[in-house]
Amino acid sequence: MAAHKSPTKLVIVALGLILALVAGGLTWMWATKPAMVAQGLGAPFTLTDDLGQPITEKALLGQPGLLYFGFTRCPEVCPTTLYEMSGWFDTLGEEGKVLKAFFFSVDPERDSPELMHNYAIAFTNRITGITGDPAEMRKLMKAWRIYAAKVPTQDGDYTMDHTASVLLINSKGEFMGSIAYGEAADSAVAKIRKLIQQDKAS
């Protein structure tokens, strides 16, 4: 007489098959997403660059890059950072031509593409300004662990409190470190050189 599998064994086999399918699906999903997502930082996005054109997370891939989140009405931190970034590019010269740089607005409600372009170009033509839908930008900031919050001013307007560090990413979009606000120029340039060298070696 043929032996029959118990209901318990059938359930275990079925669960095993389901888990195998789920595991296979997750493996495929992470293998096809950009490395920055698999690493836990960053996320897909559709925003607008400072020339009014659509831009997605694919723009962050292919070359090592610098990411900075700020806003055009920033009184001190943002202009200082972009000025220093321009200096880093000058110091690196030919070595730094491989770098991309992006300036994401934490205040997209007020920062139009034109404002972003005029602001960034005042420091260097190496930085691409990015703005767009506020909800999409908030999602991206959360994915990069960027803090930003409106702070009311006495005249009834507001300013923005936000993370001031520059993020370093490799050509795969992976987070490789950061440069703190006010960090010494030689230290910042050394970190960028290391980023470029590591990216070439990978």
N, C-alpha and C. Protein backbone atom coordinates (compact mmCIF):
# COMPACT_ATOMS: atom_id res chain seq x y z
N MET A 1 0.85 -1.19 0.00
CA MET A 1 0.00 0.00 0.00
C MET A 1 0.89 1.25 0.00
N ALA A 2 0.66 2.22 -0.91
CA ALA A 2 1.50 3.41 -0.97
C ALA A 2 1.30 4.28 0.25
N ALA A 3 2.45 4.80 0.74
CA ALA A 3 2.39 5.65 1.93
C ALA A 3 1.90 7.03 1.51
N HIS A 4 1.06 7.63 2.32
CA HIS A 4 0.55 8.99 2.06
C HIS A 4 1.31 10.00 2.92
N LYS A 5 1.64 11.14 2.31
CA LYS A 5 2.30 12.20 3.10
C LYS A 5 1.28 12.82 4.04
N SER A 6 1.74 13.09 5.24
CA SER A 6 0.85 13.70 6.22
C SER A 6 0.57 15.14 5.83
N PRO A 7 -0.55 15.71 6.28
CA PRO A 7 -0.86 17.12 5.99
C PRO A 7 0.25 18.06 6.45
N THR A 8 0.88 17.72 7.59
CA THR A 8 1.94 18.57 8.12
C THR A 8 3.11 18.63 7.15
N LYS A 9 3.50 17.45 6.60
CA LYS A 9 4.62 17.42 5.66
C LYS A 9 4.29 18.18 4.39
N LEU A 10 3.05 18.08 3.94
CA LEU A 10 2.64 18.81 2.74
C LEU A 10 2.72 20.32 2.94
N VAL A 11 2.31 20.76 4.11
CA VAL A 11 2.37 22.19 4.44
C VAL A 11 3.82 22.66 4.44
N ILE A 12 4.71 21.86 5.04
CA ILE A 12 6.13 22.22 5.12
C ILE A 12 6.73 22.33 3.72
N VAL A 13 6.39 21.33 2.85
CA VAL A 13 6.90 21.37 1.48
C VAL A 13 6.39 22.59 0.73
N ALA A 14 5.10 22.90 0.90
CA ALA A 14 4.50 24.07 0.23
C ALA A 14 5.16 25.36 0.70
N LEU A 15 5.37 25.49 2.02
CA LEU A 15 6.03 26.68 2.56
C LEU A 15 7.45 26.81 2.03
N GLY A 16 8.11 25.67 1.92
CA GLY A 16 9.47 25.68 1.39
C GLY A 16 9.52 26.22 -0.03
N LEU A 17 8.56 25.79 -0.85
CA LEU A 17 8.50 26.26 -2.23
C LEU A 17 8.20 27.75 -2.30
N ILE A 18 7.28 28.20 -1.46
CA ILE A 18 6.93 29.63 -1.43
C ILE A 18 8.14 30.47 -1.03
N LEU A 19 8.85 30.04 0.01
CA LEU A 19 10.03 30.77 0.47
C LEU A 19 11.11 30.81 -0.59
N ALA A 20 11.26 29.70 -1.32
CA ALA A 20 12.26 29.66 -2.38
C ALA A 20 11.92 30.66 -3.48
N LEU A 21 10.62 30.74 -3.83
CA LEU A 21 10.19 31.69 -4.85
C LEU A 21 10.39 33.13 -4.40
N VAL A 22 10.06 33.41 -3.14
CA VAL A 22 10.23 34.76 -2.59
C VAL A 22 11.70 35.15 -2.58
N ALA A 23 12.55 34.22 -2.12
CA ALA A 23 13.99 34.49 -2.07
C ALA A 23 14.54 34.76 -3.46
N GLY A 24 14.08 33.97 -4.42
CA GLY A 24 14.53 34.18 -5.80
C GLY A 24 14.09 35.53 -6.33
N GLY A 25 12.86 35.92 -5.99
CA GLY A 25 12.35 37.21 -6.43
C GLY A 25 13.12 38.37 -5.83
N LEU A 26 13.45 38.27 -4.53
CA LEU A 26 14.22 39.33 -3.88
C LEU A 26 15.62 39.43 -4.45
N THR A 27 16.24 38.26 -4.73
CA THR A 27 17.58 38.27 -5.32
C THR A 27 17.57 39.00 -6.66
N TRP A 28 16.55 38.71 -7.47
CA TRP A 28 16.44 39.38 -8.77
C TRP A 28 16.22 40.87 -8.59
N MET A 29 15.38 41.24 -7.63
CA MET A 29 15.04 42.65 -7.42
C MET A 29 16.28 43.46 -7.05
N TRP A 30 17.07 42.95 -6.08
CA TRP A 30 18.25 43.69 -5.65
C TRP A 30 19.32 43.70 -6.74
N ALA A 31 19.37 42.62 -7.52
CA ALA A 31 20.38 42.55 -8.58
C ALA A 31 20.09 43.55 -9.70
N THR A 32 18.84 43.91 -9.88
CA THR A 32 18.47 44.82 -10.96
C THR A 32 18.30 46.26 -10.52
N LYS A 33 18.29 46.52 -9.23
CA LYS A 33 18.20 47.90 -8.75
C LYS A 33 19.60 48.51 -8.70
N PRO A 34 19.72 49.86 -8.77
CA PRO A 34 21.02 50.48 -8.62
C PRO A 34 21.64 50.11 -7.28
N ALA A 35 22.98 50.07 -7.26
CA ALA A 35 23.68 49.65 -6.05
C ALA A 35 23.36 50.55 -4.86
N MET A 36 23.09 51.85 -5.12
CA MET A 36 22.82 52.75 -4.01
C MET A 36 21.57 52.34 -3.24
N VAL A 37 20.59 51.74 -3.93
CA VAL A 37 19.37 51.30 -3.26
C VAL A 37 19.65 50.04 -2.46
N ALA A 38 20.38 49.10 -3.06
CA ALA A 38 20.71 47.86 -2.38
C ALA A 38 21.53 48.12 -1.12
N GLN A 39 22.31 49.18 -1.14
CA GLN A 39 23.16 49.52 0.00
C GLN A 39 22.35 50.14 1.14
N GLY A 40 21.18 50.61 0.85
CA GLY A 40 20.35 51.18 1.89
C GLY A 40 20.26 52.69 1.86
N LEU A 41 21.03 53.34 1.00
CA LEU A 41 20.96 54.80 0.86
C LEU A 41 20.57 55.14 -0.57
N GLY A 42 19.78 56.19 -0.71
CA GLY A 42 19.35 56.60 -2.04
C GLY A 42 18.08 55.88 -2.46
N ALA A 43 17.47 56.38 -3.52
CA ALA A 43 16.22 55.80 -4.02
C ALA A 43 15.99 56.31 -5.43
N PRO A 44 15.21 55.59 -6.21
CA PRO A 44 14.84 56.10 -7.54
C PRO A 44 14.08 57.42 -7.39
N PHE A 45 14.27 58.34 -8.32
CA PHE A 45 13.54 59.61 -8.28
C PHE A 45 13.35 60.15 -9.68
N THR A 46 12.36 60.99 -9.82
CA THR A 46 12.14 61.75 -11.05
C THR A 46 11.92 63.20 -10.65
N LEU A 47 12.91 64.02 -10.93
CA LEU A 47 12.87 65.43 -10.56
C LEU A 47 13.21 66.29 -11.78
N THR A 48 13.60 67.53 -11.57
CA THR A 48 13.87 68.45 -12.67
C THR A 48 15.23 69.11 -12.48
N ASP A 49 16.07 69.10 -13.53
CA ASP A 49 17.37 69.74 -13.38
C ASP A 49 17.26 71.25 -13.58
N ASP A 50 18.38 71.94 -13.46
CA ASP A 50 18.32 73.40 -13.49
C ASP A 50 18.16 73.98 -14.90
N LEU A 51 18.03 73.11 -15.90
CA LEU A 51 17.70 73.55 -17.25
C LEU A 51 16.26 73.21 -17.60
N GLY A 52 15.53 72.73 -16.57
CA GLY A 52 14.12 72.41 -16.77
C GLY A 52 13.86 71.04 -17.36
N GLN A 53 14.88 70.19 -17.40
CA GLN A 53 14.74 68.87 -17.99
C GLN A 53 14.54 67.80 -16.91
N PRO A 54 13.81 66.72 -17.22
CA PRO A 54 13.65 65.64 -16.24
C PRO A 54 15.00 65.01 -15.92
N ILE A 55 15.17 64.61 -14.67
CA ILE A 55 16.40 63.95 -14.25
C ILE A 55 16.03 62.84 -13.28
N THR A 56 16.70 61.70 -13.39
CA THR A 56 16.42 60.56 -12.51
C THR A 56 17.70 60.12 -11.81
N GLU A 57 17.57 59.08 -10.99
CA GLU A 57 18.70 58.55 -10.25
C GLU A 57 19.82 58.05 -11.16
N LYS A 58 19.51 57.78 -12.43
CA LYS A 58 20.52 57.30 -13.36
C LYS A 58 21.62 58.34 -13.59
N ALA A 59 21.30 59.61 -13.36
CA ALA A 59 22.29 60.67 -13.53
C ALA A 59 23.41 60.55 -12.50
N LEU A 60 23.16 59.87 -11.39
CA LEU A 60 24.16 59.74 -10.34
C LEU A 60 25.14 58.61 -10.62
N LEU A 61 24.88 57.83 -11.66
CA LEU A 61 25.71 56.67 -11.97
C LEU A 61 26.71 56.98 -13.08
N GLY A 62 27.77 56.18 -13.16
CA GLY A 62 28.73 56.30 -14.26
C GLY A 62 30.01 57.02 -13.91
N GLN A 63 29.95 57.94 -12.95
CA GLN A 63 31.12 58.69 -12.51
C GLN A 63 31.00 58.95 -11.01
N PRO A 64 32.15 59.07 -10.30
CA PRO A 64 32.05 59.44 -8.89
C PRO A 64 31.46 60.84 -8.76
N GLY A 65 30.81 61.10 -7.64
CA GLY A 65 30.14 62.39 -7.54
C GLY A 65 30.02 62.94 -6.14
N LEU A 66 29.63 64.20 -6.09
CA LEU A 66 29.38 64.92 -4.85
C LEU A 66 27.91 65.29 -4.81
N LEU A 67 27.24 65.01 -3.71
CA LEU A 67 25.83 65.36 -3.53
C LEU A 67 25.71 66.35 -2.38
N TYR A 68 24.98 67.43 -2.65
CA TYR A 68 24.75 68.41 -1.58
C TYR A 68 23.28 68.82 -1.59
N PHE A 69 22.68 68.87 -0.41
CA PHE A 69 21.29 69.27 -0.25
C PHE A 69 21.24 70.62 0.45
N GLY A 70 20.67 71.61 -0.23
CA GLY A 70 20.59 72.94 0.35
C GLY A 70 19.48 73.74 -0.33
N PHE A 71 19.56 75.08 -0.29
CA PHE A 71 18.51 75.89 -0.93
C PHE A 71 19.06 77.27 -1.28
N THR A 72 18.44 77.92 -2.25
CA THR A 72 19.00 79.15 -2.80
C THR A 72 18.89 80.35 -1.85
N ARG A 73 17.96 80.31 -0.90
CA ARG A 73 17.82 81.43 0.04
C ARG A 73 18.65 81.22 1.31
N CYS A 74 19.48 80.22 1.29
CA CYS A 74 20.34 79.90 2.43
C CYS A 74 21.29 81.07 2.70
N PRO A 75 21.32 81.59 3.92
CA PRO A 75 22.11 82.79 4.18
C PRO A 75 23.62 82.57 4.27
N GLU A 76 24.07 81.40 4.69
CA GLU A 76 25.51 81.23 4.91
C GLU A 76 26.03 79.85 4.53
N VAL A 77 25.42 78.80 5.04
CA VAL A 77 25.96 77.45 4.89
C VAL A 77 26.06 77.03 3.42
N CYS A 78 24.99 77.21 2.66
CA CYS A 78 24.98 76.77 1.25
C CYS A 78 25.96 77.55 0.38
N PRO A 79 25.94 78.89 0.42
CA PRO A 79 26.92 79.61 -0.41
C PRO A 79 28.36 79.29 -0.03
N THR A 80 28.60 79.10 1.26
CA THR A 80 29.95 78.74 1.71
C THR A 80 30.35 77.39 1.14
N THR A 81 29.43 76.43 1.21
CA THR A 81 29.73 75.07 0.73
C THR A 81 29.97 75.05 -0.77
N LEU A 82 29.12 75.72 -1.54
CA LEU A 82 29.30 75.72 -2.98
C LEU A 82 30.57 76.48 -3.38
N TYR A 83 30.91 77.51 -2.64
CA TYR A 83 32.16 78.23 -2.88
C TYR A 83 33.36 77.31 -2.63
N GLU A 84 33.29 76.56 -1.53
CA GLU A 84 34.37 75.62 -1.22
C GLU A 84 34.44 74.49 -2.24
N MET A 85 33.28 74.04 -2.71
CA MET A 85 33.25 72.99 -3.72
C MET A 85 33.94 73.46 -5.00
N SER A 86 33.69 74.71 -5.38
CA SER A 86 34.36 75.28 -6.54
C SER A 86 35.88 75.27 -6.35
N GLY A 87 36.31 75.56 -5.13
CA GLY A 87 37.73 75.54 -4.81
C GLY A 87 38.31 74.13 -4.90
N TRP A 88 37.54 73.14 -4.50
CA TRP A 88 38.01 71.74 -4.61
C TRP A 88 38.24 71.38 -6.07
N PHE A 89 37.32 71.78 -6.93
CA PHE A 89 37.47 71.50 -8.36
C PHE A 89 38.72 72.17 -8.91
N ASP A 90 38.97 73.42 -8.50
CA ASP A 90 40.15 74.15 -8.97
C ASP A 90 41.42 73.44 -8.52
N THR A 91 41.45 72.99 -7.27
CA THR A 91 42.63 72.32 -6.72
C THR A 91 42.89 71.00 -7.43
N LEU A 92 41.84 70.25 -7.71
CA LEU A 92 41.98 68.94 -8.35
C LEU A 92 42.34 69.04 -9.82
N GLY A 93 41.94 70.12 -10.47
CA GLY A 93 42.29 70.31 -11.87
C GLY A 93 41.82 69.17 -12.76
N GLU A 94 42.75 68.68 -13.60
CA GLU A 94 42.44 67.58 -14.53
C GLU A 94 41.97 66.34 -13.80
N GLU A 95 42.55 66.08 -12.65
CA GLU A 95 42.20 64.89 -11.86
C GLU A 95 40.73 64.89 -11.48
N GLY A 96 40.17 66.08 -11.28
CA GLY A 96 38.79 66.19 -10.83
C GLY A 96 37.77 66.26 -11.94
N LYS A 97 38.20 66.21 -13.19
CA LYS A 97 37.25 66.33 -14.30
C LYS A 97 36.30 65.14 -14.39
N VAL A 98 36.68 64.03 -13.77
CA VAL A 98 35.83 62.84 -13.78
C VAL A 98 34.62 62.99 -12.86
N LEU A 99 34.67 63.97 -11.96
CA LEU A 99 33.62 64.14 -10.95
C LEU A 99 32.34 64.77 -11.50
N LYS A 100 31.21 64.31 -10.97
CA LYS A 100 29.93 64.99 -11.14
C LYS A 100 29.60 65.67 -9.82
N ALA A 101 28.76 66.68 -9.86
CA ALA A 101 28.32 67.32 -8.62
C ALA A 101 26.86 67.74 -8.77
N PHE A 102 26.08 67.53 -7.70
CA PHE A 102 24.64 67.80 -7.73
C PHE A 102 24.23 68.60 -6.50
N PHE A 103 23.40 69.60 -6.74
CA PHE A 103 22.88 70.46 -5.67
C PHE A 103 21.36 70.27 -5.64
N PHE A 104 20.89 69.48 -4.68
CA PHE A 104 19.46 69.19 -4.53
C PHE A 104 18.82 70.23 -3.62
N SER A 105 17.67 70.77 -4.02
CA SER A 105 16.98 71.76 -3.20
C SER A 105 16.16 71.10 -2.09
N VAL A 106 16.37 71.56 -0.86
CA VAL A 106 15.53 71.13 0.25
C VAL A 106 14.32 72.05 0.38
N ASP A 107 14.23 73.02 -0.53
CA ASP A 107 13.11 73.98 -0.53
C ASP A 107 12.54 74.09 -1.95
N PRO A 108 12.12 72.95 -2.53
CA PRO A 108 11.67 72.96 -3.92
C PRO A 108 10.41 73.79 -4.17
N GLU A 109 9.67 74.12 -3.10
CA GLU A 109 8.47 74.95 -3.27
C GLU A 109 8.85 76.34 -3.77
N ARG A 110 10.04 76.82 -3.40
CA ARG A 110 10.47 78.15 -3.81
C ARG A 110 11.60 78.13 -4.83
N ASP A 111 12.34 77.03 -4.90
CA ASP A 111 13.49 76.95 -5.79
C ASP A 111 13.10 76.40 -7.16
N SER A 112 12.91 77.31 -8.10
CA SER A 112 12.60 76.92 -9.47
C SER A 112 13.88 76.46 -10.17
N PRO A 113 13.77 75.77 -11.30
CA PRO A 113 14.98 75.40 -12.05
C PRO A 113 15.85 76.61 -12.39
N GLU A 114 15.22 77.70 -12.79
CA GLU A 114 15.97 78.90 -13.14
C GLU A 114 16.75 79.45 -11.95
N LEU A 115 16.09 79.50 -10.79
CA LEU A 115 16.78 79.97 -9.59
C LEU A 115 17.96 79.06 -9.25
N MET A 116 17.74 77.74 -9.33
CA MET A 116 18.80 76.78 -9.04
C MET A 116 19.99 76.96 -9.99
N HIS A 117 19.68 77.18 -11.27
CA HIS A 117 20.74 77.35 -12.26
C HIS A 117 21.56 78.61 -11.99
N ASN A 118 20.86 79.73 -11.81
CA ASN A 118 21.55 80.99 -11.59
C ASN A 118 22.38 80.97 -10.30
N TYR A 119 21.86 80.27 -9.30
CA TYR A 119 22.56 80.19 -8.02
C TYR A 119 23.83 79.36 -8.18
N ALA A 120 23.70 78.16 -8.75
CA ALA A 120 24.86 77.26 -8.86
C ALA A 120 25.93 77.81 -9.79
N ILE A 121 25.51 78.38 -10.92
CA ILE A 121 26.47 78.86 -11.91
C ILE A 121 27.29 80.04 -11.38
N ALA A 122 26.78 80.72 -10.36
CA ALA A 122 27.52 81.83 -9.76
C ALA A 122 28.80 81.34 -9.07
N PHE A 123 28.83 80.05 -8.75
CA PHE A 123 30.01 79.47 -8.08
C PHE A 123 30.87 78.67 -9.05
N THR A 124 30.24 77.83 -9.85
CA THR A 124 30.96 77.00 -10.82
C THR A 124 29.96 76.37 -11.78
N ASN A 125 30.42 76.08 -12.99
CA ASN A 125 29.55 75.41 -13.96
C ASN A 125 29.60 73.89 -13.83
N ARG A 126 30.24 73.42 -12.77
CA ARG A 126 30.39 71.98 -12.56
C ARG A 126 29.24 71.36 -11.77
N ILE A 127 28.36 72.19 -11.25
CA ILE A 127 27.29 71.70 -10.37
C ILE A 127 25.94 71.73 -11.10
N THR A 128 25.21 70.61 -11.04
CA THR A 128 23.86 70.54 -11.60
C THR A 128 22.84 70.75 -10.48
N GLY A 129 22.03 71.77 -10.60
CA GLY A 129 20.97 72.02 -9.62
C GLY A 129 19.78 71.12 -9.90
N ILE A 130 19.15 70.64 -8.85
CA ILE A 130 18.00 69.75 -9.00
C ILE A 130 16.87 70.17 -8.05
N THR A 131 15.67 70.32 -8.60
CA THR A 131 14.50 70.67 -7.81
C THR A 131 13.33 69.82 -8.33
N GLY A 132 12.10 70.22 -8.03
CA GLY A 132 10.96 69.45 -8.52
C GLY A 132 9.87 69.26 -7.50
N ASP A 133 9.11 68.21 -7.65
CA ASP A 133 7.96 67.94 -6.79
C ASP A 133 8.41 67.81 -5.32
N PRO A 134 7.82 68.59 -4.41
CA PRO A 134 8.23 68.54 -3.00
C PRO A 134 8.13 67.15 -2.37
N ALA A 135 7.07 66.43 -2.69
CA ALA A 135 6.90 65.09 -2.12
C ALA A 135 7.98 64.15 -2.61
N GLU A 136 8.33 64.27 -3.88
CA GLU A 136 9.40 63.43 -4.45
C GLU A 136 10.74 63.78 -3.82
N MET A 137 10.97 65.06 -3.58
CA MET A 137 12.22 65.49 -2.95
C MET A 137 12.29 65.01 -1.50
N ARG A 138 11.18 65.08 -0.79
CA ARG A 138 11.17 64.59 0.61
C ARG A 138 11.47 63.11 0.66
N LYS A 139 10.93 62.36 -0.30
CA LYS A 139 11.21 60.92 -0.36
C LYS A 139 12.69 60.67 -0.59
N LEU A 140 13.29 61.46 -1.46
CA LEU A 140 14.72 61.29 -1.74
C LEU A 140 15.57 61.68 -0.54
N MET A 141 15.21 62.77 0.13
CA MET A 141 15.97 63.19 1.31
C MET A 141 15.92 62.12 2.40
N LYS A 142 14.77 61.54 2.57
CA LYS A 142 14.63 60.47 3.56
C LYS A 142 15.51 59.28 3.19
N ALA A 143 15.55 58.98 1.90
CA ALA A 143 16.36 57.84 1.44
C ALA A 143 17.85 58.07 1.62
N TRP A 144 18.26 59.33 1.58
CA TRP A 144 19.68 59.66 1.79
C TRP A 144 19.97 60.08 3.23
N ARG A 145 18.97 59.95 4.11
CA ARG A 145 19.10 60.32 5.53
C ARG A 145 19.44 61.80 5.70
N ILE A 146 18.81 62.63 4.87
CA ILE A 146 19.03 64.08 4.94
C ILE A 146 17.93 64.71 5.79
N TYR A 147 18.35 65.49 6.77
CA TYR A 147 17.40 66.21 7.62
C TYR A 147 17.12 67.57 7.00
N ALA A 148 15.86 67.97 6.97
CA ALA A 148 15.49 69.32 6.53
C ALA A 148 14.16 69.70 7.17
N ALA A 149 14.06 70.92 7.65
CA ALA A 149 12.83 71.38 8.29
C ALA A 149 12.68 72.89 8.13
N LYS A 150 11.44 73.33 7.96
CA LYS A 150 11.16 74.76 7.87
C LYS A 150 11.28 75.40 9.26
N VAL A 151 11.89 76.56 9.28
CA VAL A 151 12.02 77.32 10.53
C VAL A 151 11.39 78.70 10.31
N PRO A 152 10.27 79.01 10.98
CA PRO A 152 9.61 80.30 10.79
C PRO A 152 10.52 81.48 11.15
N THR A 153 10.38 82.57 10.39
CA THR A 153 11.14 83.79 10.69
C THR A 153 10.19 84.86 11.20
N GLN A 154 10.73 85.91 11.77
CA GLN A 154 9.91 86.95 12.41
C GLN A 154 9.03 87.70 11.42
N ASP A 155 9.42 87.72 10.15
CA ASP A 155 8.63 88.45 9.15
C ASP A 155 7.50 87.61 8.56
N GLY A 156 7.28 86.42 9.12
CA GLY A 156 6.21 85.56 8.64
C GLY A 156 6.64 84.61 7.53
N ASP A 157 7.87 84.70 7.12
CA ASP A 157 8.40 83.80 6.09
C ASP A 157 9.05 82.60 6.79
N TYR A 158 9.92 81.91 6.12
CA TYR A 158 10.62 80.80 6.76
C TYR A 158 11.99 80.60 6.13
N THR A 159 12.87 79.96 6.85
CA THR A 159 14.15 79.51 6.32
C THR A 159 14.20 77.99 6.50
N MET A 160 15.29 77.37 6.13
CA MET A 160 15.40 75.92 6.22
C MET A 160 16.60 75.52 7.08
N ASP A 161 16.35 74.62 8.00
CA ASP A 161 17.42 73.97 8.75
C ASP A 161 17.67 72.64 8.06
N HIS A 162 18.92 72.31 7.78
CA HIS A 162 19.16 71.09 7.00
C HIS A 162 20.56 70.52 7.23
N THR A 163 20.73 69.27 6.86
CA THR A 163 22.03 68.62 6.89
C THR A 163 22.99 69.40 6.00
N ALA A 164 24.19 69.66 6.50
CA ALA A 164 25.11 70.52 5.76
C ALA A 164 26.29 69.77 5.13
N SER A 165 26.37 68.47 5.32
CA SER A 165 27.50 67.71 4.78
C SER A 165 27.36 67.48 3.28
N VAL A 166 28.50 67.33 2.62
CA VAL A 166 28.56 66.91 1.22
C VAL A 166 28.75 65.40 1.20
N LEU A 167 27.91 64.69 0.46
CA LEU A 167 28.01 63.24 0.38
C LEU A 167 28.87 62.83 -0.80
N LEU A 168 29.68 61.80 -0.61
CA LEU A 168 30.55 61.28 -1.66
C LEU A 168 29.98 59.96 -2.16
N ILE A 169 29.82 59.81 -3.46
CA ILE A 169 29.33 58.54 -4.02
C ILE A 169 30.27 58.08 -5.14
N ASN A 170 30.37 56.78 -5.32
CA ASN A 170 31.18 56.26 -6.41
C ASN A 170 30.35 56.15 -7.68
N SER A 171 30.95 55.61 -8.73
CA SER A 171 30.25 55.56 -10.02
C SER A 171 29.10 54.57 -10.04
N LYS A 172 28.98 53.75 -8.99
CA LYS A 172 27.84 52.84 -8.86
C LYS A 172 26.72 53.45 -8.03
N GLY A 173 26.93 54.69 -7.58
CA GLY A 173 25.94 55.35 -6.75
C GLY A 173 26.01 54.96 -5.29
N GLU A 174 27.10 54.32 -4.88
CA GLU A 174 27.25 53.87 -3.50
C GLU A 174 27.85 54.97 -2.63
N PHE A 175 27.30 55.13 -1.44
CA PHE A 175 27.80 56.12 -0.48
C PHE A 175 29.20 55.71 -0.02
N MET A 176 30.17 56.64 -0.13
CA MET A 176 31.55 56.34 0.22
C MET A 176 32.10 57.21 1.34
N GLY A 177 31.29 58.14 1.83
CA GLY A 177 31.76 59.01 2.90
C GLY A 177 31.15 60.39 2.79
N SER A 178 31.65 61.33 3.58
CA SER A 178 31.11 62.69 3.55
C SER A 178 32.17 63.71 3.91
N ILE A 179 31.91 64.93 3.54
CA ILE A 179 32.75 66.07 3.91
C ILE A 179 31.91 66.98 4.78
N ALA A 180 32.36 67.24 5.98
CA ALA A 180 31.59 68.05 6.93
C ALA A 180 31.63 69.52 6.55
N TYR A 181 30.60 70.24 6.97
CA TYR A 181 30.58 71.69 6.75
C TYR A 181 31.76 72.32 7.47
N GLY A 182 32.52 73.13 6.77
CA GLY A 182 33.65 73.81 7.38
C GLY A 182 34.91 72.96 7.47
N GLU A 183 34.89 71.75 6.92
CA GLU A 183 36.08 70.89 6.97
C GLU A 183 37.22 71.55 6.19
N ALA A 184 38.44 71.37 6.67
CA ALA A 184 39.60 71.97 6.03
C ALA A 184 39.71 71.54 4.57
N ALA A 185 40.14 72.45 3.72
CA ALA A 185 40.21 72.18 2.29
C ALA A 185 41.12 71.01 1.96
N ASP A 186 42.26 70.90 2.64
CA ASP A 186 43.18 69.81 2.32
C ASP A 186 42.57 68.45 2.68
N SER A 187 41.80 68.41 3.76
CA SER A 187 41.13 67.18 4.17
C SER A 187 40.04 66.82 3.16
N ALA A 188 39.26 67.82 2.73
CA ALA A 188 38.18 67.58 1.76
C ALA A 188 38.75 67.07 0.44
N VAL A 189 39.80 67.70 -0.05
CA VAL A 189 40.41 67.30 -1.31
C VAL A 189 41.01 65.89 -1.21
N ALA A 190 41.59 65.57 -0.06
CA ALA A 190 42.15 64.23 0.15
C ALA A 190 41.05 63.17 0.07
N LYS A 191 39.90 63.47 0.64
CA LYS A 191 38.77 62.52 0.60
C LYS A 191 38.29 62.32 -0.84
N ILE A 192 38.24 63.42 -1.59
CA ILE A 192 37.78 63.33 -2.98
C ILE A 192 38.79 62.56 -3.83
N ARG A 193 40.08 62.81 -3.61
CA ARG A 193 41.12 62.06 -4.34
C ARG A 193 41.00 60.57 -4.05
N LYS A 194 40.75 60.24 -2.79
CA LYS A 194 40.60 58.83 -2.41
C LYS A 194 39.39 58.22 -3.11
N LEU A 195 38.31 58.99 -3.18
CA LEU A 195 37.10 58.53 -3.87
C LEU A 195 37.41 58.23 -5.33
N ILE A 196 38.10 59.13 -6.00
CA ILE A 196 38.44 58.96 -7.42
C ILE A 196 39.34 57.74 -7.63
N GLN A 197 40.35 57.60 -6.76
CA GLN A 197 41.29 56.49 -6.89
C GLN A 197 40.61 55.15 -6.63
N GLN A 198 39.77 55.10 -5.60
CA GLN A 198 39.05 53.86 -5.29
C GLN A 198 38.11 53.49 -6.43
N ASP A 199 37.49 54.51 -7.03
CA ASP A 199 36.56 54.24 -8.11
C ASP A 199 37.28 53.70 -9.34
N LYS A 200 38.46 54.22 -9.62
CA LYS A 200 39.25 53.73 -10.75
C LYS A 200 39.68 52.29 -10.53
N ALA A 201 39.97 51.96 -9.27
CA ALA A 201 40.47 50.62 -8.95
C ALA A 201 39.36 49.56 -8.90
N SER A 202 38.11 50.02 -8.76
CA SER A 202 37.01 49.05 -8.60
C SER A 202 36.54 48.47 -9.94
